[in-house]
Amino acid sequence: MTNKNDKITGCLVGGAIGDALGYAVEFQREPQIFSRYGKDGIKEYELDNRTGKALVSDDTQMTLFTATGILAQCENGVLYDIEQSYSDWLTTQYYTFDEAKSIEIHNSWLRNVPELYSPRAPGNTCLSALEQRVRNSEKINSFIESKINNSKGCGGIMRVAPVGLISGLNIIIADGLAAEAAAITHSHSLGYMPAAVLAHKINRIVYPVSDMSLKEIVLEAKETVSTIFKNELYINTLSKIIDLAVELSENNESDLDNIHRLGEGWVGEEALGIALYCSLRYQNDFSKGIITSVNHNGDSDSTGAVTGNILGALFGYEAIENKWKENLELIDVILKVSDDFSQL
């Protein structure tokens, strides 16, 4: 039986694995991917010539900052701490490590990790929204209510997996916190509601309350989030893509055809749909699930990251093949954050 700590580590490392595999092909279309890597697409890390590592993108960077925001546990409340941690991430995108030493550190010790001072195709929405949040010194109680744009990009869902890892948190509160964390930068409901579904699924995997199948967890997440956000205009859109992902995961069609029906993953509900599909379809094969999740026309690092979060939690760190753990950028940092989370 996979224990809680192993699942926590698996979730965070699994997300980085999917991110690193997909980052190499994020902006490539299928003809480019399959002509370069073969009929099955990219199946192994493409290592950076300078570092010899499989580089992660802003997805893993921001996931780590989400985690350290949660771990800060300051008196202002966890949502405030997450926002402040994101402002630390923002600093790493605009300053060098040496330049940042003179800038106030809010929450995150990650500001002391030189390797994080490396922009990896950060989303413009995340950057612009956080810049606006930083300029507004007023404490915000609900980012869902304090709208800043109309973006439903996948930058909201790709970073919130750590919310699902919080021990002892009521599942409805966890869902709501994940949505709020996504809404710090993405104000469209399809930018933050998928984050709630992801946190729900991960929470149920890591802290099971009954012997639920993965499909049952997905359907419960859909129903719970549909209740929480019953008055949102696009809740039916989210429910439909969840149902479609479940349906497609059980058919005999090709993965690529199925993923095409779900979209490209650049927006929140599509990234969620692809990740749900891949994790359901390959819940017994971590590597196949990750590989499938990145070999398509769309936002490969984000669909890979979210799929990796889910499958990593499901399998646990120890069951993940060593080839994915070797040469993975920031692996030591991820393991430290995972260990800190296990102490919560």
Protein backbone atom coordinates (compact mmCIF):
# COMPACT_ATOMS: atom_id res chain seq x y z
CA MET A 1 0.00 0.00 0.00
CA THR A 2 1.39 3.36 -0.99
CA ASN A 3 1.64 5.61 2.06
CA LYS A 4 0.68 9.25 2.34
CA ASN A 5 4.22 10.66 2.17
CA ASP A 6 5.05 8.58 -0.91
CA LYS A 7 1.90 9.88 -2.64
CA ILE A 8 2.74 13.48 -1.78
CA THR A 9 6.23 13.11 -3.21
CA GLY A 10 4.86 11.25 -6.22
CA CYS A 11 2.39 14.05 -6.93
CA LEU A 12 5.00 16.82 -6.91
CA VAL A 13 7.72 14.86 -8.70
CA GLY A 14 5.21 13.41 -11.18
CA GLY A 15 4.07 16.89 -12.10
CA ALA A 16 7.65 17.95 -12.75
CA ILE A 17 8.24 14.83 -14.87
CA GLY A 18 5.26 15.56 -17.12
CA ASP A 19 6.25 19.20 -17.28
CA ALA A 20 9.86 18.46 -18.25
CA LEU A 21 8.89 15.93 -20.90
CA GLY A 22 6.29 18.26 -22.41
CA TYR A 23 8.34 21.45 -22.16
CA ALA A 24 10.63 20.23 -24.95
CA VAL A 25 7.68 20.14 -27.38
CA GLU A 26 5.35 22.77 -25.92
CA PHE A 27 5.22 24.97 -28.99
CA GLN A 28 5.54 22.22 -31.60
CA ARG A 29 2.69 20.87 -33.69
CA GLU A 30 2.13 17.16 -34.17
CA PRO A 31 3.90 16.89 -37.57
CA GLN A 32 7.03 18.39 -36.00
CA ILE A 33 6.86 16.16 -32.95
CA PHE A 34 6.32 12.90 -34.80
CA SER A 35 8.83 13.64 -37.54
CA ARG A 36 11.49 14.43 -34.97
CA TYR A 37 10.83 11.76 -32.34
CA GLY A 38 9.09 8.98 -34.27
CA LYS A 39 5.54 7.69 -34.54
CA ASP A 40 5.04 7.60 -30.76
CA GLY A 41 6.39 11.09 -30.21
CA ILE A 42 8.74 12.14 -27.45
CA LYS A 43 9.24 9.30 -24.97
CA GLU A 44 12.41 10.33 -23.14
CA TYR A 45 13.75 13.54 -21.71
CA GLU A 46 15.52 15.95 -24.00
CA LEU A 47 18.44 17.10 -21.87
CA ASP A 48 19.70 20.66 -21.80
CA ASN A 49 23.14 20.94 -23.41
CA ARG A 50 24.47 23.23 -20.70
CA THR A 51 23.21 21.55 -17.55
CA GLY A 52 22.58 17.99 -18.68
CA LYS A 53 19.15 18.23 -17.05
CA ALA A 54 15.59 17.86 -18.25
CA LEU A 55 14.39 21.41 -17.76
CA VAL A 56 11.07 22.21 -16.10
CA SER A 57 8.90 25.16 -17.07
CA ASP A 58 7.05 27.86 -15.16
CA ASP A 59 4.47 25.17 -14.30
CA THR A 60 6.78 23.40 -11.87
CA GLN A 61 8.27 26.66 -10.66
CA MET A 62 4.85 28.03 -9.73
CA THR A 63 3.74 24.72 -8.22
CA LEU A 64 6.71 24.88 -5.86
CA PHE A 65 5.84 28.46 -4.92
CA THR A 66 2.24 27.38 -4.27
CA ALA A 67 3.58 24.72 -1.94
CA THR A 68 5.86 27.06 0.00
CA GLY A 69 3.02 29.55 0.29
CA ILE A 70 0.93 26.85 1.96
CA LEU A 71 3.85 25.86 4.17
CA ALA A 72 4.41 29.44 5.36
CA GLN A 73 1.41 29.23 7.70
CA CYS A 74 1.58 32.89 8.67
CA GLU A 75 -1.11 34.68 10.63
CA ASN A 76 -2.57 36.32 7.53
CA GLY A 77 -4.08 33.11 6.18
CA VAL A 78 -3.04 30.58 3.58
CA LEU A 79 -4.53 32.35 0.57
CA TYR A 80 -2.60 35.52 1.41
CA ASP A 81 0.56 33.44 1.83
CA ILE A 82 0.09 31.82 -1.56
CA GLU A 83 -0.34 35.22 -3.20
CA GLN A 84 2.80 36.52 -1.49
CA SER A 85 4.70 33.43 -2.56
CA TYR A 86 3.65 34.09 -6.16
CA SER A 87 5.07 37.59 -5.83
CA ASP A 88 8.36 35.93 -4.89
CA TRP A 89 8.12 33.84 -8.05
CA LEU A 90 7.49 37.03 -10.00
CA THR A 91 10.77 38.41 -8.67
CA THR A 92 12.63 35.38 -10.06
CA GLN A 93 11.25 36.16 -13.50
CA TYR A 94 12.53 39.73 -13.67
CA TYR A 95 15.72 39.80 -11.62
CA THR A 96 18.93 37.81 -11.36
CA PHE A 97 19.72 35.92 -8.19
CA ASP A 98 22.19 38.59 -7.11
CA GLU A 99 19.86 41.46 -7.93
CA ALA A 100 17.04 39.89 -5.93
CA LYS A 101 19.07 39.81 -2.71
CA SER A 102 18.16 43.44 -2.06
CA ILE A 103 14.42 42.85 -2.60
CA GLU A 104 12.17 42.01 0.30
CA ILE A 105 11.39 38.31 0.66
CA HIS A 106 7.78 37.63 1.59
CA ASN A 107 7.35 33.93 2.28
CA SER A 108 9.31 31.57 0.15
CA TRP A 109 12.77 30.19 0.80
CA LEU A 110 12.75 29.31 -2.89
CA ARG A 111 13.99 32.85 -3.46
CA ASN A 112 17.33 31.46 -2.23
CA VAL A 113 17.54 28.85 -5.01
CA PRO A 114 19.64 30.28 -7.88
CA GLU A 115 18.28 27.78 -10.42
CA LEU A 116 14.81 29.29 -10.12
CA TYR A 117 15.98 32.59 -11.57
CA SER A 118 15.33 31.36 -15.06
CA PRO A 119 12.19 32.38 -16.98
CA ARG A 120 10.70 29.34 -18.72
CA ALA A 121 8.05 30.69 -21.06
CA PRO A 122 5.97 32.15 -18.21
CA GLY A 123 2.37 32.89 -19.11
CA ASN A 124 1.67 36.52 -19.88
CA THR A 125 -1.54 36.35 -17.86
CA CYS A 126 0.30 35.16 -14.76
CA LEU A 127 2.92 37.88 -15.12
CA SER A 128 0.52 40.77 -15.79
CA ALA A 129 -2.00 39.71 -13.15
CA LEU A 130 0.65 39.31 -10.45
CA GLU A 131 2.16 42.67 -11.35
CA GLN A 132 -1.26 44.23 -10.77
CA ARG A 133 -1.74 42.30 -7.52
CA VAL A 134 1.66 43.45 -6.23
CA ARG A 135 0.79 47.10 -6.93
CA ASN A 136 -2.41 46.72 -4.91
CA SER A 137 -1.38 46.53 -1.26
CA GLU A 138 -4.92 45.89 -0.04
CA LYS A 139 -5.51 42.44 1.45
CA ILE A 140 -8.03 40.53 -0.64
CA ASN A 141 -10.33 37.99 0.99
CA SER A 142 -11.63 36.46 -2.25
CA PHE A 143 -9.75 36.56 -5.52
CA ILE A 144 -12.76 35.04 -7.24
CA GLU A 145 -14.71 38.15 -6.28
CA SER A 146 -11.77 40.49 -6.95
CA LYS A 147 -11.59 39.93 -10.69
CA ILE A 148 -8.54 41.13 -12.58
CA ASN A 149 -9.10 39.89 -16.15
CA ASN A 150 -11.25 37.48 -18.15
CA SER A 151 -8.63 34.79 -18.70
CA LYS A 152 -9.38 31.10 -18.58
CA GLY A 153 -5.86 30.01 -19.52
CA CYS A 154 -4.42 26.88 -17.98
CA GLY A 155 -2.00 28.91 -15.86
CA GLY A 156 -4.50 28.60 -13.02
CA ILE A 157 -4.79 24.82 -12.88
CA MET A 158 -1.19 23.87 -13.68
CA ARG A 159 0.17 25.12 -10.32
CA VAL A 160 -2.45 24.23 -7.68
CA ALA A 161 -1.82 20.52 -7.04
CA PRO A 162 -0.26 21.25 -3.60
CA VAL A 163 -3.64 22.47 -2.35
CA GLY A 164 -4.93 18.92 -2.73
CA LEU A 165 -2.05 17.67 -0.59
CA ILE A 166 -3.01 19.61 2.55
CA SER A 167 -3.72 17.13 5.32
CA GLY A 168 -6.93 17.35 7.31
CA LEU A 169 -8.56 19.95 5.09
CA ASN A 170 -12.27 19.53 4.44
CA ILE A 171 -12.67 18.56 0.80
CA ILE A 172 -15.05 21.43 0.01
CA ILE A 173 -12.67 23.91 1.60
CA ALA A 174 -9.80 22.38 -0.40
CA ASP A 175 -11.75 22.73 -3.63
CA GLY A 176 -12.58 26.34 -2.86
CA LEU A 177 -9.00 27.19 -1.87
CA ALA A 178 -7.65 25.74 -5.12
CA ALA A 179 -10.11 27.81 -7.11
CA GLU A 180 -9.16 30.94 -5.15
CA ALA A 181 -5.45 30.26 -5.71
CA ALA A 182 -6.05 29.98 -9.46
CA ALA A 183 -8.21 33.12 -9.41
CA ILE A 184 -5.24 35.16 -8.16
CA THR A 185 -4.31 35.37 -11.83
CA HIS A 186 -7.25 33.94 -13.82
CA SER A 187 -10.66 35.53 -13.30
CA HIS A 188 -12.77 33.57 -15.80
CA SER A 189 -14.61 30.77 -14.03
CA LEU A 190 -13.14 28.23 -16.46
CA GLY A 191 -9.75 29.48 -15.33
CA TYR A 192 -10.35 28.64 -11.67
CA MET A 193 -13.08 25.96 -11.48
CA PRO A 194 -10.88 23.27 -13.11
CA ALA A 195 -8.33 23.91 -10.35
CA ALA A 196 -10.96 22.87 -7.81
CA VAL A 197 -11.55 19.59 -9.67
CA LEU A 198 -7.83 18.83 -9.71
CA ALA A 199 -7.38 19.53 -5.99
CA HIS A 200 -10.42 17.37 -5.21
CA LYS A 201 -9.06 14.45 -7.20
CA ILE A 202 -5.61 14.64 -5.66
CA ASN A 203 -6.99 15.00 -2.14
CA ARG A 204 -9.12 11.87 -2.53
CA ILE A 205 -6.15 9.92 -3.91
CA VAL A 206 -3.76 10.95 -1.15
CA TYR A 207 -6.31 10.91 1.71
CA PRO A 208 -8.90 8.30 0.69
CA VAL A 209 -12.11 8.18 2.69
CA SER A 210 -13.40 5.00 1.07
CA ASP A 211 -12.42 2.47 -1.56
CA MET A 212 -13.29 4.72 -4.51
CA SER A 213 -12.11 4.01 -8.04
CA LEU A 214 -10.37 6.77 -9.96
CA LYS A 215 -13.47 7.20 -12.10
CA GLU A 216 -15.66 7.53 -9.01
CA ILE A 217 -13.31 10.20 -7.65
CA VAL A 218 -13.55 12.14 -10.90
CA LEU A 219 -17.35 11.99 -10.90
CA GLU A 220 -17.50 13.00 -7.24
CA ALA A 221 -15.21 15.94 -7.99
CA LYS A 222 -17.51 17.00 -10.81
CA GLU A 223 -20.59 16.86 -8.61
CA THR A 224 -18.96 18.65 -5.69
CA VAL A 225 -17.51 21.46 -7.79
CA SER A 226 -20.82 21.76 -9.65
CA THR A 227 -22.51 22.32 -6.30
CA ILE A 228 -19.93 24.83 -5.06
CA PHE A 229 -20.15 26.82 -8.28
CA LYS A 230 -23.78 26.11 -9.17
CA ASN A 231 -24.42 29.74 -10.05
CA GLU A 232 -21.44 30.10 -12.38
CA LEU A 233 -22.37 30.60 -16.02
CA TYR A 234 -19.88 28.03 -17.37
CA ILE A 235 -20.27 25.22 -14.85
CA ASN A 236 -22.13 23.08 -17.42
CA THR A 237 -19.24 23.53 -19.88
CA LEU A 238 -16.87 22.17 -17.24
CA SER A 239 -19.16 19.26 -16.41
CA LYS A 240 -19.48 18.31 -20.07
CA ILE A 241 -15.74 18.16 -20.68
CA ILE A 242 -15.28 16.04 -17.55
CA ASP A 243 -17.96 13.62 -18.76
CA LEU A 244 -16.37 13.56 -22.21
CA ALA A 245 -12.94 12.76 -20.76
CA VAL A 246 -14.41 9.85 -18.81
CA GLU A 247 -16.28 8.58 -21.86
CA LEU A 248 -13.28 8.81 -24.17
CA SER A 249 -11.01 7.07 -21.67
CA GLU A 250 -13.15 3.96 -22.05
CA ASN A 251 -13.38 3.77 -25.86
CA ASN A 252 -11.19 2.01 -28.42
CA GLU A 253 -10.21 5.05 -30.46
CA SER A 254 -6.65 6.34 -30.75
CA ASP A 255 -5.33 8.62 -28.03
CA LEU A 256 -4.64 11.40 -30.49
CA ASP A 257 -8.19 11.33 -31.87
CA ASN A 258 -9.56 11.41 -28.34
CA ILE A 259 -7.32 14.28 -27.27
CA HIS A 260 -8.35 16.24 -30.35
CA ARG A 261 -11.93 16.03 -29.15
CA LEU A 262 -10.90 17.48 -25.77
CA GLY A 263 -8.89 20.38 -27.19
CA GLU A 264 -5.29 21.50 -26.97
CA GLY A 265 -4.99 22.36 -23.31
CA TRP A 266 -4.19 26.06 -23.58
CA VAL A 267 -7.27 26.86 -21.49
CA GLY A 268 -8.19 25.50 -18.11
CA GLU A 269 -11.04 23.15 -18.92
CA GLU A 270 -9.14 21.58 -21.83
CA ALA A 271 -5.99 21.03 -19.79
CA LEU A 272 -8.13 19.37 -17.12
CA GLY A 273 -9.96 17.25 -19.72
CA ILE A 274 -6.75 15.95 -21.27
CA ALA A 275 -5.24 15.21 -17.86
CA LEU A 276 -8.37 13.39 -16.69
CA TYR A 277 -8.44 11.38 -19.89
CA CYS A 278 -4.78 10.35 -19.71
CA SER A 279 -4.88 9.51 -16.00
CA LEU A 280 -8.04 7.42 -16.37
CA ARG A 281 -6.89 5.68 -19.54
CA TYR A 282 -3.46 4.84 -18.14
CA GLN A 283 -4.06 4.56 -14.44
CA ASN A 284 -1.97 1.37 -14.48
CA ASP A 285 0.91 2.76 -16.56
CA PHE A 286 2.55 5.95 -15.34
CA SER A 287 4.97 6.26 -18.26
CA LYS A 288 2.33 5.69 -20.93
CA GLY A 289 0.03 8.20 -19.32
CA ILE A 290 2.73 10.88 -19.19
CA ILE A 291 3.90 10.23 -22.74
CA THR A 292 0.35 10.36 -24.09
CA SER A 293 -0.36 13.59 -22.25
CA VAL A 294 2.38 15.58 -24.01
CA ASN A 295 2.33 14.29 -27.59
CA HIS A 296 -0.25 16.56 -29.18
CA ASN A 297 -0.63 19.99 -30.76
CA GLY A 298 -1.31 21.87 -27.59
CA ASP A 299 0.15 23.03 -24.27
CA SER A 300 2.23 19.93 -23.71
CA ASP A 301 4.05 20.96 -20.55
CA SER A 302 0.85 21.92 -18.72
CA THR A 303 -1.14 18.85 -19.76
CA GLY A 304 1.91 16.78 -18.84
CA ALA A 305 2.28 18.51 -15.49
CA VAL A 306 -1.36 18.05 -14.45
CA THR A 307 -1.40 14.44 -15.64
CA GLY A 308 1.85 13.86 -13.74
CA ASN A 309 0.38 15.34 -10.56
CA ILE A 310 -2.52 12.91 -10.72
CA LEU A 311 -0.64 9.78 -11.75
CA GLY A 312 2.26 10.59 -9.44
CA ALA A 313 -0.14 10.76 -6.48
CA LEU A 314 -1.80 7.54 -7.62
CA PHE A 315 1.42 5.55 -8.09
CA GLY A 316 3.56 7.14 -5.40
CA TYR A 317 7.16 8.22 -5.81
CA GLU A 318 8.77 4.82 -5.27
CA ALA A 319 6.77 3.18 -8.07
CA ILE A 320 7.81 5.77 -10.67
CA GLU A 321 10.53 4.45 -12.96
CA ASN A 322 14.00 5.70 -12.05
CA LYS A 323 14.62 6.97 -15.57
CA TRP A 324 12.16 9.79 -14.90
CA LYS A 325 13.85 10.77 -11.63
CA GLU A 326 17.33 10.89 -13.11
CA ASN A 327 18.49 14.19 -14.64
CA LEU A 328 15.30 15.97 -13.61
CA GLU A 329 15.96 19.63 -12.88
CA LEU A 330 15.24 20.78 -9.31
CA ILE A 331 14.64 17.22 -8.09
CA ASP A 332 16.40 17.95 -4.78
CA VAL A 333 14.28 21.06 -4.24
CA ILE A 334 11.09 19.15 -5.07
CA LEU A 335 12.02 16.38 -2.64
CA LYS A 336 12.67 18.91 0.13
CA VAL A 337 9.31 20.59 -0.46
CA SER A 338 7.64 17.17 -0.50
CA ASP A 339 9.29 16.28 2.81
CA ASP A 340 8.15 19.57 4.33
CA PHE A 341 4.61 18.86 3.16
CA SER A 342 4.67 15.45 4.73
CA GLN A 343 5.25 17.11 8.11
CA LEU A 344 2.08 19.21 7.89
